[in-house]
Amino acid sequence: MQRVIILVSVIFVLLSGMTFSAQAQAEDVLQGVCPHSDGAYFQAGVFPRYELRNQRLLLVSWTTGEIVREVETSLNTPRFNIMGWSPDCRYLAASLGDWETTIWDVTTSQRVGSFPGAGLRWSPDSQQALLTQKDSLYLWTVGAGDPLRLTEFRGDYVMDYWDTARGELWLMIYSWYYSEPGVTVYDRQTGQQIAYYDNPAGQSQQTGFTFSADGSRVIVYTVRARDAHSAGVTIWERGTDSHIDLRAGSEAATQDSRIALSPDGRYLVIGRHFLRVWDLTALPDSLEARTPVYFAGPAAVITQVSFIDNAIVETLDSFGSRQQWNVTTGEAIPAA
């Protein structure tokens, strides 16, 4: 009898611990909870639930089981799949019936958009979304009616950057083995193309782009070269036709965390197996001669480079170690 009581007590303790753990980690366990805890409309432990029998879409509290809001009360669909939330947790998107993407404003319980067979990616300010639909890319503004067609979509992925301060959307379509040769910039209000930056310095099968720390320069680089030693980097003065072309050998950078421009714009550094440094104030006239200086750098593979000041760069390697280097000499800076 004593053994049975002990066993029951142990089970009760385990179940209590499991219940507490589940409640504490509700946002990690529940499907459909808005993952953006810093969103203006975020509600902890609140998740969407579709009731087929009652034809209702609800927001329900995980802790109490109570209905927080009825989002829609006459929703008759044989299929309901959550696609995601806007960054501010105000808009919920789901795929219904014949793959129709529907978006609700959960603060007003109103549908704000419906697009057949569309993929969706939100802007950081939750005011717009990039739609992929019928081999085209569209820009949709909440409450503005029909979306604006931007361009054809022939690829697997879209690299996007939303500049909310300048009202710009930067797009590059790419796949595992190829990409567009450059990045196109669109006006977020009109959907019109306003700029384009490519990489004439390299013959690229796949291209990437990033920015200088102050955003004044656009760095377009080869990710995958078409031929051996045909990789390049092009540094553009943003909003102008002025650019600097550099040779980068067999590859430039495989990801944007491995490439950085010094704050004064003098040095470009790319890290991977070595530290490669270009002094942009002392470039030869010939593009073929604009090759980098190689420094050994850390023993492990470099995964990230960032400038501390105009001449000191910090590396993060695959072992998780951080180290600082003088880009003019390649010497390691002793840790303080």
C-alpha atoms as a PDB file:
ATOM      1  CA  MET A   1       0.000   0.000   0.000  1.00  0.00           C
ATOM      2  CA  GLN A   2       2.844   2.353   0.891  1.00  0.00           C
ATOM      3  CA  ARG A   3       4.481   1.641  -2.482  1.00  0.00           C
ATOM      4  CA  VAL A   4       1.266   2.540  -4.307  1.00  0.00           C
ATOM      5  CA  ILE A   5       0.950   5.837  -2.397  1.00  0.00           C
ATOM      6  CA  ILE A   6       4.558   6.747  -3.194  1.00  0.00           C
ATOM      7  CA  LEU A   7       4.015   5.919  -6.872  1.00  0.00           C
ATOM      8  CA  VAL A   8       0.876   8.064  -7.020  1.00  0.00           C
ATOM      9  CA  SER A   9       2.716  10.914  -5.315  1.00  0.00           C
ATOM     10  CA  VAL A  10       5.575  10.734  -7.797  1.00  0.00           C
ATOM     11  CA  ILE A  11       3.145  10.793 -10.757  1.00  0.00           C
ATOM     12  CA  PHE A  12       1.325  13.792  -9.248  1.00  0.00           C
ATOM     13  CA  VAL A  13       4.594  15.698  -8.820  1.00  0.00           C
ATOM     14  CA  LEU A  14       5.672  14.902 -12.391  1.00  0.00           C
ATOM     15  CA  LEU A  15       2.318  15.968 -13.828  1.00  0.00           C
ATOM     16  CA  SER A  16       2.369  19.175 -11.794  1.00  0.00           C
ATOM     17  CA  GLY A  17       5.832  19.964 -13.104  1.00  0.00           C
ATOM     18  CA  MET A  18       4.744  19.251 -16.666  1.00  0.00           C
ATOM     19  CA  THR A  19       1.711  21.530 -16.284  1.00  0.00           C
ATOM     20  CA  PHE A  20       3.801  24.351 -14.873  1.00  0.00           C
ATOM     21  CA  SER A  21       6.406  23.945 -17.600  1.00  0.00           C
ATOM     22  CA  ALA A  22       3.756  23.942 -20.345  1.00  0.00           C
ATOM     23  CA  GLN A  23       2.149  27.099 -18.987  1.00  0.00           C
ATOM     24  CA  ALA A  24       5.496  28.828 -18.650  1.00  0.00           C
ATOM     25  CA  GLN A  25       6.419  27.986 -22.206  1.00  0.00           C
ATOM     26  CA  ALA A  26       3.008  28.338 -23.872  1.00  0.00           C
ATOM     27  CA  GLU A  27       4.290  30.624 -26.607  1.00  0.00           C
ATOM     28  CA  ASP A  28       6.957  28.057 -27.513  1.00  0.00           C
ATOM     29  CA  VAL A  29       4.512  25.117 -27.655  1.00  0.00           C
ATOM     30  CA  LEU A  30       1.274  26.480 -29.103  1.00  0.00           C
ATOM     31  CA  GLN A  31       0.867  26.597 -32.829  1.00  0.00           C
ATOM     32  CA  GLY A  32      -0.312  29.918 -34.190  1.00  0.00           C
ATOM     33  CA  VAL A  33       0.686  32.146 -31.274  1.00  0.00           C
ATOM     34  CA  CYS A  34       2.127  35.434 -32.504  1.00  0.00           C
ATOM     35  CA  PRO A  35       5.896  35.005 -32.067  1.00  0.00           C
ATOM     36  CA  HIS A  36       6.630  38.736 -31.919  1.00  0.00           C
ATOM     37  CA  SER A  37       6.557  39.405 -28.186  1.00  0.00           C
ATOM     38  CA  ASP A  38       7.582  43.030 -28.763  1.00  0.00           C
ATOM     39  CA  GLY A  39       4.602  43.652 -31.080  1.00  0.00           C
ATOM     40  CA  ALA A  40       2.255  46.477 -30.125  1.00  0.00           C
ATOM     41  CA  TYR A  41      -0.736  44.088 -30.100  1.00  0.00           C
ATOM     42  CA  PHE A  42       0.986  41.027 -28.642  1.00  0.00           C
ATOM     43  CA  GLN A  43      -1.054  39.013 -26.142  1.00  0.00           C
ATOM     44  CA  ALA A  44       0.825  36.373 -24.182  1.00  0.00           C
ATOM     45  CA  GLY A  45      -0.641  32.880 -24.391  1.00  0.00           C
ATOM     46  CA  VAL A  46      -3.360  33.819 -26.883  1.00  0.00           C
ATOM     47  CA  PHE A  47      -3.701  31.579 -29.920  1.00  0.00           C
ATOM     48  CA  PRO A  48      -6.098  31.288 -32.913  1.00  0.00           C
ATOM     49  CA  ARG A  49      -8.512  28.366 -33.095  1.00  0.00           C
ATOM     50  CA  TYR A  50     -10.831  27.458 -35.948  1.00  0.00           C
ATOM     51  CA  GLU A  51     -13.992  25.534 -35.051  1.00  0.00           C
ATOM     52  CA  LEU A  52     -15.294  23.714 -38.120  1.00  0.00           C
ATOM     53  CA  ARG A  53     -18.586  22.725 -36.482  1.00  0.00           C
ATOM     54  CA  ASN A  54     -19.385  26.257 -35.334  1.00  0.00           C
ATOM     55  CA  GLN A  55     -17.695  27.906 -38.328  1.00  0.00           C
ATOM     56  CA  ARG A  56     -15.856  30.276 -36.022  1.00  0.00           C
ATOM     57  CA  LEU A  57     -12.348  31.685 -35.928  1.00  0.00           C
ATOM     58  CA  LEU A  58     -11.459  32.588 -32.365  1.00  0.00           C
ATOM     59  CA  LEU A  59      -8.624  33.926 -30.279  1.00  0.00           C
ATOM     60  CA  VAL A  60      -8.390  31.799 -27.148  1.00  0.00           C
ATOM     61  CA  SER A  61      -6.435  32.188 -23.899  1.00  0.00           C
ATOM     62  CA  TRP A  62      -4.113  29.277 -23.149  1.00  0.00           C
ATOM     63  CA  THR A  63      -4.194  29.859 -19.386  1.00  0.00           C
ATOM     64  CA  THR A  64      -7.961  30.213 -18.906  1.00  0.00           C
ATOM     65  CA  GLY A  65      -9.425  28.591 -22.015  1.00  0.00           C
ATOM     66  CA  GLU A  66     -11.692  31.586 -22.437  1.00  0.00           C
ATOM     67  CA  ILE A  67     -12.488  33.195 -25.767  1.00  0.00           C
ATOM     68  CA  VAL A  68     -10.582  36.476 -26.042  1.00  0.00           C
ATOM     69  CA  ARG A  69     -12.159  37.541 -29.339  1.00  0.00           C
ATOM     70  CA  GLU A  70     -14.385  36.165 -32.089  1.00  0.00           C
ATOM     71  CA  VAL A  71     -12.489  37.034 -35.246  1.00  0.00           C
ATOM     72  CA  GLU A  72     -15.066  35.610 -37.665  1.00  0.00           C
ATOM     73  CA  THR A  73     -18.328  33.822 -36.917  1.00  0.00           C
ATOM     74  CA  SER A  74     -19.410  32.585 -40.366  1.00  0.00           C
ATOM     75  CA  LEU A  75     -16.245  30.997 -41.699  1.00  0.00           C
ATOM     76  CA  ASN A  76     -17.084  27.848 -43.640  1.00  0.00           C
ATOM     77  CA  THR A  77     -13.932  26.252 -45.041  1.00  0.00           C
ATOM     78  CA  PRO A  78     -12.763  22.617 -45.275  1.00  0.00           C
ATOM     79  CA  ARG A  79      -9.161  23.660 -44.666  1.00  0.00           C
ATOM     80  CA  PHE A  80      -7.612  26.231 -42.328  1.00  0.00           C
ATOM     81  CA  ASN A  81      -3.837  26.613 -42.029  1.00  0.00           C
ATOM     82  CA  ILE A  82      -2.149  29.413 -40.095  1.00  0.00           C
ATOM     83  CA  MET A  83       0.430  31.225 -42.242  1.00  0.00           C
ATOM     84  CA  GLY A  84       1.661  33.758 -39.711  1.00  0.00           C
ATOM     85  CA  TRP A  85       1.285  37.119 -38.011  1.00  0.00           C
ATOM     86  CA  SER A  86       2.381  40.626 -38.839  1.00  0.00           C
ATOM     87  CA  PRO A  87       5.306  41.880 -36.712  1.00  0.00           C
ATOM     88  CA  ASP A  88       2.953  43.983 -34.553  1.00  0.00           C
ATOM     89  CA  CYS A  89       0.629  40.964 -33.968  1.00  0.00           C
ATOM     90  CA  ARG A  90      -2.343  42.864 -35.372  1.00  0.00           C
ATOM     91  CA  TYR A  91      -2.859  40.933 -38.616  1.00  0.00           C
ATOM     92  CA  LEU A  92      -3.330  37.178 -38.863  1.00  0.00           C
ATOM     93  CA  ALA A  93      -2.908  35.361 -42.190  1.00  0.00           C
ATOM     94  CA  ALA A  94      -4.239  31.884 -42.974  1.00  0.00           C
ATOM     95  CA  SER A  95      -4.675  29.674 -46.020  1.00  0.00           C
ATOM     96  CA  LEU A  96      -8.281  28.595 -46.622  1.00  0.00           C
ATOM     97  CA  GLY A  97     -10.080  26.196 -48.938  1.00  0.00           C
ATOM     98  CA  ASP A  98      -8.423  26.219 -52.354  1.00  0.00           C
ATOM     99  CA  TRP A  99      -5.217  27.842 -51.070  1.00  0.00           C
ATOM    100  CA  GLU A 100      -6.743  31.271 -50.636  1.00  0.00           C
ATOM    101  CA  THR A 101      -4.633  33.509 -48.407  1.00  0.00           C
ATOM    102  CA  THR A 102      -6.893  35.517 -46.097  1.00  0.00           C
ATOM    103  CA  ILE A 103      -5.814  38.230 -43.674  1.00  0.00           C
ATOM    104  CA  TRP A 104      -7.731  39.493 -40.635  1.00  0.00           C
ATOM    105  CA  ASP A 105      -7.292  42.502 -38.417  1.00  0.00           C
ATOM    106  CA  VAL A 106      -7.794  40.775 -35.065  1.00  0.00           C
ATOM    107  CA  THR A 107      -8.362  44.102 -33.276  1.00  0.00           C
ATOM    108  CA  THR A 108     -11.503  44.793 -35.337  1.00  0.00           C
ATOM    109  CA  SER A 109     -12.463  41.230 -36.403  1.00  0.00           C
ATOM    110  CA  GLN A 110     -12.470  42.330 -40.039  1.00  0.00           C
ATOM    111  CA  ARG A 111     -11.002  40.748 -43.158  1.00  0.00           C
ATOM    112  CA  VAL A 112      -8.528  43.160 -44.697  1.00  0.00           C
ATOM    113  CA  GLY A 113      -7.272  41.095 -47.636  1.00  0.00           C
ATOM    114  CA  SER A 114      -7.810  37.914 -49.617  1.00  0.00           C
ATOM    115  CA  PHE A 115      -5.479  36.633 -52.355  1.00  0.00           C
ATOM    116  CA  PRO A 116      -5.738  33.277 -54.188  1.00  0.00           C
ATOM    117  CA  GLY A 117      -2.631  31.116 -53.871  1.00  0.00           C
ATOM    118  CA  ALA A 118      -0.405  33.852 -52.468  1.00  0.00           C
ATOM    119  CA  GLY A 119       2.677  33.623 -50.313  1.00  0.00           C
ATOM    120  CA  LEU A 120       3.151  36.511 -47.920  1.00  0.00           C
ATOM    121  CA  ARG A 121       5.990  38.361 -46.197  1.00  0.00           C
ATOM    122  CA  TRP A 122       5.361  41.369 -43.958  1.00  0.00           C
ATOM    123  CA  SER A 123       7.193  44.667 -43.801  1.00  0.00           C
ATOM    124  CA  PRO A 124       8.769  45.405 -40.389  1.00  0.00           C
ATOM    125  CA  ASP A 125       6.199  48.152 -39.717  1.00  0.00           C
ATOM    126  CA  SER A 126       3.270  45.812 -40.547  1.00  0.00           C
ATOM    127  CA  GLN A 127       1.833  48.327 -43.016  1.00  0.00           C
ATOM    128  CA  GLN A 128       2.642  46.350 -46.161  1.00  0.00           C
ATOM    129  CA  ALA A 129       3.322  42.830 -47.347  1.00  0.00           C
ATOM    130  CA  LEU A 130       5.187  41.278 -50.244  1.00  0.00           C
ATOM    131  CA  LEU A 131       2.976  38.766 -52.075  1.00  0.00           C
ATOM    132  CA  THR A 132       4.098  35.961 -54.378  1.00  0.00           C
ATOM    133  CA  GLN A 133       1.258  35.048 -56.708  1.00  0.00           C
ATOM    134  CA  LYS A 134       1.076  33.484 -60.183  1.00  0.00           C
ATOM    135  CA  ASP A 135       4.801  33.843 -60.931  1.00  0.00           C
ATOM    136  CA  SER A 136       4.779  37.525 -59.953  1.00  0.00           C
ATOM    137  CA  LEU A 137       5.700  39.653 -56.947  1.00  0.00           C
ATOM    138  CA  TYR A 138       3.190  42.172 -55.641  1.00  0.00           C
ATOM    139  CA  LEU A 139       3.329  44.918 -53.039  1.00  0.00           C
ATOM    140  CA  TRP A 140       0.183  45.144 -50.931  1.00  0.00           C
ATOM    141  CA  THR A 141      -0.644  47.962 -48.545  1.00  0.00           C
ATOM    142  CA  VAL A 142      -3.143  47.247 -45.773  1.00  0.00           C
ATOM    143  CA  GLY A 143      -6.394  49.063 -46.533  1.00  0.00           C
ATOM    144  CA  ALA A 144      -5.286  50.255 -49.981  1.00  0.00           C
ATOM    145  CA  GLY A 145      -7.148  47.836 -52.219  1.00  0.00           C
ATOM    146  CA  ASP A 146      -5.481  45.830 -54.957  1.00  0.00           C
ATOM    147  CA  PRO A 147      -1.772  45.072 -54.668  1.00  0.00           C
ATOM    148  CA  LEU A 148       0.801  46.628 -57.013  1.00  0.00           C
ATOM    149  CA  ARG A 149       2.646  44.271 -59.352  1.00  0.00           C
ATOM    150  CA  LEU A 150       6.407  44.704 -59.022  1.00  0.00           C
ATOM    151  CA  THR A 151       8.055  42.083 -61.206  1.00  0.00           C
ATOM    152  CA  GLU A 152       8.046  38.478 -62.396  1.00  0.00           C
ATOM    153  CA  PHE A 153       9.064  35.854 -59.858  1.00  0.00           C
ATOM    154  CA  ARG A 154      11.280  33.165 -61.359  1.00  0.00           C
ATOM    155  CA  GLY A 155      13.186  31.580 -58.514  1.00  0.00           C
ATOM    156  CA  ASP A 156      12.924  29.863 -55.157  1.00  0.00           C
ATOM    157  CA  TYR A 157      13.406  32.714 -52.701  1.00  0.00           C
ATOM    158  CA  VAL A 158      13.278  36.477 -52.369  1.00  0.00           C
ATOM    159  CA  MET A 159      15.917  38.462 -50.532  1.00  0.00           C
ATOM    160  CA  ASP A 160      14.134  41.568 -49.269  1.00  0.00           C
ATOM    161  CA  TYR A 161      15.106  44.638 -47.302  1.00  0.00           C
ATOM    162  CA  TRP A 162      12.538  47.203 -46.151  1.00  0.00           C
ATOM    163  CA  ASP A 163      13.911  50.705 -45.607  1.00  0.00           C
ATOM    164  CA  THR A 164      11.056  52.271 -43.674  1.00  0.00           C
ATOM    165  CA  ALA A 165      12.869  55.590 -43.189  1.00  0.00           C
ATOM    166  CA  ARG A 166      13.385  56.104 -46.942  1.00  0.00           C
ATOM    167  CA  GLY A 167      10.174  54.419 -48.069  1.00  0.00           C
ATOM    168  CA  GLU A 168      12.054  51.801 -50.116  1.00  0.00           C
ATOM    169  CA  LEU A 169      11.772  48.078 -50.748  1.00  0.00           C
ATOM    170  CA  TRP A 170      14.893  46.250 -51.964  1.00  0.00           C
ATOM    171  CA  LEU A 171      14.414  42.923 -53.763  1.00  0.00           C
ATOM    172  CA  MET A 172      16.625  40.227 -55.214  1.00  0.00           C
ATOM    173  CA  ILE A 173      15.230  36.923 -56.482  1.00  0.00           C
ATOM    174  CA  TYR A 174      17.503  33.924 -56.036  1.00  0.00           C
ATOM    175  CA  SER A 175      17.781  30.168 -55.790  1.00  0.00           C
ATOM    176  CA  TRP A 176      20.349  27.743 -54.414  1.00  0.00           C
ATOM    177  CA  TYR A 177      22.533  28.041 -57.500  1.00  0.00           C
ATOM    178  CA  TYR A 178      21.629  31.299 -59.197  1.00  0.00           C
ATOM    179  CA  SER A 179      20.186  34.732 -58.589  1.00  0.00           C
ATOM    180  CA  GLU A 180      19.399  37.946 -60.359  1.00  0.00           C
ATOM    181  CA  PRO A 181      22.575  39.868 -61.228  1.00  0.00           C
ATOM    182  CA  GLY A 182      21.618  42.806 -59.011  1.00  0.00           C
ATOM    183  CA  VAL A 183      19.225  44.243 -56.452  1.00  0.00           C
ATOM    184  CA  THR A 184      16.227  46.340 -57.511  1.00  0.00           C
ATOM    185  CA  VAL A 185      14.836  49.162 -55.375  1.00  0.00           C
ATOM    186  CA  TYR A 186      11.130  50.058 -55.406  1.00  0.00           C
ATOM    187  CA  ASP A 187       9.193  53.001 -54.042  1.00  0.00           C
ATOM    188  CA  ARG A 188       6.888  51.659 -51.327  1.00  0.00           C
ATOM    189  CA  GLN A 189       4.090  54.080 -52.176  1.00  0.00           C
ATOM    190  CA  THR A 190       3.958  53.690 -55.950  1.00  0.00           C
ATOM    191  CA  GLY A 191       5.614  50.310 -56.527  1.00  0.00           C
ATOM    192  CA  GLN A 192       7.801  51.902 -59.198  1.00  0.00           C
ATOM    193  CA  GLN A 193      11.441  50.933 -59.663  1.00  0.00           C
ATOM    194  CA  ILE A 194      13.678  53.783 -58.501  1.00  0.00           C
ATOM    195  CA  ALA A 195      17.168  52.228 -58.488  1.00  0.00           C
ATOM    196  CA  TYR A 196      19.181  49.177 -59.484  1.00  0.00           C
ATOM    197  CA  TYR A 197      22.599  48.016 -58.265  1.00  0.00           C
ATOM    198  CA  ASP A 198      24.488  45.139 -59.880  1.00  0.00           C
ATOM    199  CA  ASN A 199      28.008  43.714 -59.773  1.00  0.00           C
ATOM    200  CA  PRO A 200      29.893  44.542 -62.997  1.00  0.00           C
ATOM    201  CA  ALA A 201      33.165  43.648 -61.242  1.00  0.00           C
ATOM    202  CA  GLY A 202      32.319  39.944 -61.206  1.00  0.00           C
ATOM    203  CA  GLN A 203      30.841  37.276 -63.422  1.00  0.00           C
ATOM    204  CA  SER A 204      28.369  35.908 -60.921  1.00  0.00           C
ATOM    205  CA  GLN A 205      26.032  32.973 -61.012  1.00  0.00           C
ATOM    206  CA  GLN A 206      24.734  34.004 -57.592  1.00  0.00           C
ATOM    207  CA  THR A 207      24.922  37.494 -56.101  1.00  0.00           C
ATOM    208  CA  GLY A 208      24.380  39.060 -52.679  1.00  0.00           C
ATOM    209  CA  PHE A 209      24.178  42.579 -51.329  1.00  0.00           C
ATOM    210  CA  THR A 210      24.651  44.473 -48.096  1.00  0.00           C
ATOM    211  CA  PHE A 211      25.236  48.022 -46.876  1.00  0.00           C
ATOM    212  CA  SER A 212      27.911  50.054 -45.194  1.00  0.00           C
ATOM    213  CA  ALA A 213      27.264  50.699 -41.512  1.00  0.00           C
ATOM    214  CA  ASP A 214      25.879  54.184 -42.206  1.00  0.00           C
ATOM    215  CA  GLY A 215      23.772  53.007 -45.152  1.00  0.00           C
ATOM    216  CA  SER A 216      25.416  55.392 -47.617  1.00  0.00           C
ATOM    217  CA  ARG A 217      27.020  52.654 -49.726  1.00  0.00           C
ATOM    218  CA  VAL A 218      25.641  49.496 -51.313  1.00  0.00           C
ATOM    219  CA  ILE A 219      27.991  46.516 -51.559  1.00  0.00           C
ATOM    220  CA  VAL A 220      27.052  43.975 -54.257  1.00  0.00           C
ATOM    221  CA  TYR A 221      29.223  40.862 -54.277  1.00  0.00           C
ATOM    222  CA  THR A 222      29.657  37.457 -55.891  1.00  0.00           C
ATOM    223  CA  VAL A 223      28.358  34.542 -53.835  1.00  0.00           C
ATOM    224  CA  ARG A 224      28.929  31.926 -56.529  1.00  0.00           C
ATOM    225  CA  ALA A 225      31.162  32.704 -59.518  1.00  0.00           C
ATOM    226  CA  ARG A 226      30.465  31.495 -63.058  1.00  0.00           C
ATOM    227  CA  ASP A 227      34.112  30.647 -63.666  1.00  0.00           C
ATOM    228  CA  ALA A 228      37.255  30.265 -61.605  1.00  0.00           C
ATOM    229  CA  HIS A 229      38.686  33.613 -60.481  1.00  0.00           C
ATOM    230  CA  SER A 230      35.735  35.597 -61.830  1.00  0.00           C
ATOM    231  CA  ALA A 231      34.282  36.767 -58.513  1.00  0.00           C
ATOM    232  CA  GLY A 232      34.019  40.474 -57.830  1.00  0.00           C
ATOM    233  CA  VAL A 233      32.713  43.175 -55.505  1.00  0.00           C
ATOM    234  CA  THR A 234      31.099  46.456 -56.534  1.00  0.00           C
ATOM    235  CA  ILE A 235      30.700  49.266 -54.014  1.00  0.00           C
ATOM    236  CA  TRP A 236      28.054  51.820 -54.998  1.00  0.00           C
ATOM    237  CA  GLU A 237      27.491  55.298 -53.674  1.00  0.00           C
ATOM    238  CA  ARG A 238      23.822  54.996 -52.814  1.00  0.00           C
ATOM    239  CA  GLY A 239      21.528  56.986 -55.072  1.00  0.00           C
ATOM    240  CA  THR A 240      24.229  57.673 -57.666  1.00  0.00           C
ATOM    241  CA  ASP A 241      25.944  55.982 -60.616  1.00  0.00           C
ATOM    242  CA  SER A 242      29.340  56.152 -58.882  1.00  0.00           C
ATOM    243  CA  HIS A 243      30.895  52.824 -57.952  1.00  0.00           C
ATOM    244  CA  ILE A 244      34.215  51.052 -57.251  1.00  0.00           C
ATOM    245  CA  ASP A 245      34.913  47.640 -58.809  1.00  0.00           C
ATOM    246  CA  LEU A 246      37.145  45.018 -57.156  1.00  0.00           C
ATOM    247  CA  ARG A 247      38.416  41.573 -58.077  1.00  0.00           C
ATOM    248  CA  ALA A 248      37.850  38.811 -55.499  1.00  0.00           C
ATOM    249  CA  GLY A 249      39.327  35.638 -57.028  1.00  0.00           C
ATOM    250  CA  SER A 250      37.235  32.463 -56.888  1.00  0.00           C
ATOM    251  CA  GLU A 251      34.673  33.845 -54.428  1.00  0.00           C
ATOM    252  CA  ALA A 252      33.765  37.093 -52.720  1.00  0.00           C
ATOM    253  CA  ALA A 253      31.521  36.337 -49.731  1.00  0.00           C
ATOM    254  CA  THR A 254      29.110  33.489 -49.064  1.00  0.00           C
ATOM    255  CA  GLN A 255      27.021  35.606 -46.668  1.00  0.00           C
ATOM    256  CA  ASP A 256      26.736  39.274 -45.777  1.00  0.00           C
ATOM    257  CA  SER A 257      28.090  38.802 -42.238  1.00  0.00           C
ATOM    258  CA  ARG A 258      31.518  38.058 -43.751  1.00  0.00           C
ATOM    259  CA  ILE A 259      31.942  41.364 -45.560  1.00  0.00           C
ATOM    260  CA  ALA A 260      32.352  44.850 -44.074  1.00  0.00           C
ATOM    261  CA  LEU A 261      33.396  48.373 -45.038  1.00  0.00           C
ATOM    262  CA  SER A 262      35.307  50.595 -42.616  1.00  0.00           C
ATOM    263  CA  PRO A 263      33.385  53.626 -41.254  1.00  0.00           C
ATOM    264  CA  ASP A 264      35.539  56.035 -43.280  1.00  0.00           C
ATOM    265  CA  GLY A 265      35.024  53.970 -46.456  1.00  0.00           C
ATOM    266  CA  ARG A 266      38.721  53.262 -46.918  1.00  0.00           C
ATOM    267  CA  TYR A 267      38.985  49.510 -46.274  1.00  0.00           C
ATOM    268  CA  LEU A 268      36.861  46.621 -47.459  1.00  0.00           C
ATOM    269  CA  VAL A 269      37.350  43.365 -45.549  1.00  0.00           C
ATOM    270  CA  ILE A 270      36.077  39.879 -46.358  1.00  0.00           C
ATOM    271  CA  GLY A 271      36.640  36.991 -43.976  1.00  0.00           C
ATOM    272  CA  ARG A 272      36.426  33.243 -44.318  1.00  0.00           C
ATOM    273  CA  HIS A 273      39.578  31.126 -44.468  1.00  0.00           C
ATOM    274  CA  PHE A 274      41.671  34.310 -44.499  1.00  0.00           C
ATOM    275  CA  LEU A 275      41.205  38.000 -43.911  1.00  0.00           C
ATOM    276  CA  ARG A 276      41.214  39.756 -47.282  1.00  0.00           C
ATOM    277  CA  VAL A 277      41.682  43.524 -47.268  1.00  0.00           C
ATOM    278  CA  TRP A 278      41.357  46.128 -50.028  1.00  0.00           C
ATOM    279  CA  ASP A 279      42.583  49.696 -49.528  1.00  0.00           C
ATOM    280  CA  LEU A 280      40.114  51.637 -51.670  1.00  0.00           C
ATOM    281  CA  THR A 281      42.314  54.742 -51.660  1.00  0.00           C
ATOM    282  CA  ALA A 282      45.220  52.954 -53.355  1.00  0.00           C
ATOM    283  CA  LEU A 283      43.678  50.933 -56.152  1.00  0.00           C
ATOM    284  CA  PRO A 284      45.437  50.262 -59.471  1.00  0.00           C
ATOM    285  CA  ASP A 285      43.782  51.456 -62.662  1.00  0.00           C
ATOM    286  CA  SER A 286      43.289  47.924 -63.976  1.00  0.00           C
ATOM    287  CA  LEU A 287      40.405  45.922 -62.552  1.00  0.00           C
ATOM    288  CA  GLU A 288      42.429  42.717 -62.818  1.00  0.00           C
ATOM    289  CA  ALA A 289      45.072  44.212 -60.537  1.00  0.00           C
ATOM    290  CA  ARG A 290      42.575  45.257 -57.849  1.00  0.00           C
ATOM    291  CA  THR A 291      43.137  42.160 -55.743  1.00  0.00           C
ATOM    292  CA  PRO A 292      43.217  42.034 -51.933  1.00  0.00           C
ATOM    293  CA  VAL A 293      46.017  41.661 -49.416  1.00  0.00           C
ATOM    294  CA  TYR A 294      45.726  38.321 -47.601  1.00  0.00           C
ATOM    295  CA  PHE A 295      46.205  37.986 -43.846  1.00  0.00           C
ATOM    296  CA  ALA A 296      46.088  34.693 -41.947  1.00  0.00           C
ATOM    297  CA  GLY A 297      43.491  35.786 -39.386  1.00  0.00           C
ATOM    298  CA  PRO A 298      42.165  33.272 -36.839  1.00  0.00           C
ATOM    299  CA  ALA A 299      42.856  29.550 -37.067  1.00  0.00           C
ATOM    300  CA  ALA A 300      39.163  28.678 -37.440  1.00  0.00           C
ATOM    301  CA  VAL A 301      36.791  29.671 -40.242  1.00  0.00           C
ATOM    302  CA  ILE A 302      35.614  33.276 -39.981  1.00  0.00           C
ATOM    303  CA  THR A 303      31.829  33.610 -39.811  1.00  0.00           C
ATOM    304  CA  GLN A 304      31.492  37.344 -39.110  1.00  0.00           C
ATOM    305  CA  VAL A 305      33.535  40.526 -39.510  1.00  0.00           C
ATOM    306  CA  SER A 306      32.746  44.001 -38.201  1.00  0.00           C
ATOM    307  CA  PHE A 307      34.774  47.178 -37.814  1.00  0.00           C
ATOM    308  CA  ILE A 308      35.519  48.566 -34.350  1.00  0.00           C
ATOM    309  CA  ASP A 309      37.053  51.725 -35.818  1.00  0.00           C
ATOM    310  CA  ASN A 310      38.577  52.759 -39.146  1.00  0.00           C
ATOM    311  CA  ALA A 311      41.502  50.321 -38.884  1.00  0.00           C
ATOM    312  CA  ILE A 312      40.464  47.614 -36.416  1.00  0.00           C
ATOM    313  CA  VAL A 313      38.161  44.755 -37.372  1.00  0.00           C
ATOM    314  CA  GLU A 314      36.674  42.135 -35.071  1.00  0.00           C
ATOM    315  CA  THR A 315      36.169  38.556 -36.230  1.00  0.00           C
ATOM    316  CA  LEU A 316      33.895  35.832 -34.923  1.00  0.00           C
ATOM    317  CA  ASP A 317      35.015  32.323 -35.885  1.00  0.00           C
ATOM    318  CA  SER A 318      33.315  28.933 -36.091  1.00  0.00           C
ATOM    319  CA  PHE A 319      34.536  28.095 -32.568  1.00  0.00           C
ATOM    320  CA  GLY A 320      32.719  31.129 -31.180  1.00  0.00           C
ATOM    321  CA  SER A 321      35.916  33.050 -30.470  1.00  0.00           C
ATOM    322  CA  ARG A 322      36.165  36.803 -31.027  1.00  0.00           C
ATOM    323  CA  GLN A 323      39.428  38.516 -31.894  1.00  0.00           C
ATOM    324  CA  GLN A 324      40.473  41.939 -33.152  1.00  0.00           C
ATOM    325  CA  TRP A 325      42.898  42.623 -36.011  1.00  0.00           C
ATOM    326  CA  ASN A 326      44.711  45.592 -37.489  1.00  0.00           C
ATOM    327  CA  VAL A 327      43.674  45.658 -41.146  1.00  0.00           C
ATOM    328  CA  THR A 328      46.795  47.556 -42.220  1.00  0.00           C
ATOM    329  CA  THR A 329      49.240  44.974 -40.809  1.00  0.00           C
ATOM    330  CA  GLY A 330      47.161  41.848 -40.254  1.00  0.00           C
ATOM    331  CA  GLU A 331      48.409  41.650 -36.678  1.00  0.00           C
ATOM    332  CA  ALA A 332      46.163  40.456 -33.858  1.00  0.00           C
ATOM    333  CA  ILE A 333      45.261  43.002 -31.201  1.00  0.00           C
ATOM    334  CA  PRO A 334      45.970  41.587 -27.718  1.00  0.00           C
ATOM    335  CA  ALA A 335      42.870  41.183 -25.561  1.00  0.00           C
ATOM    336  CA  ALA A 336      42.555  43.835 -22.873  1.00  0.00           C
END
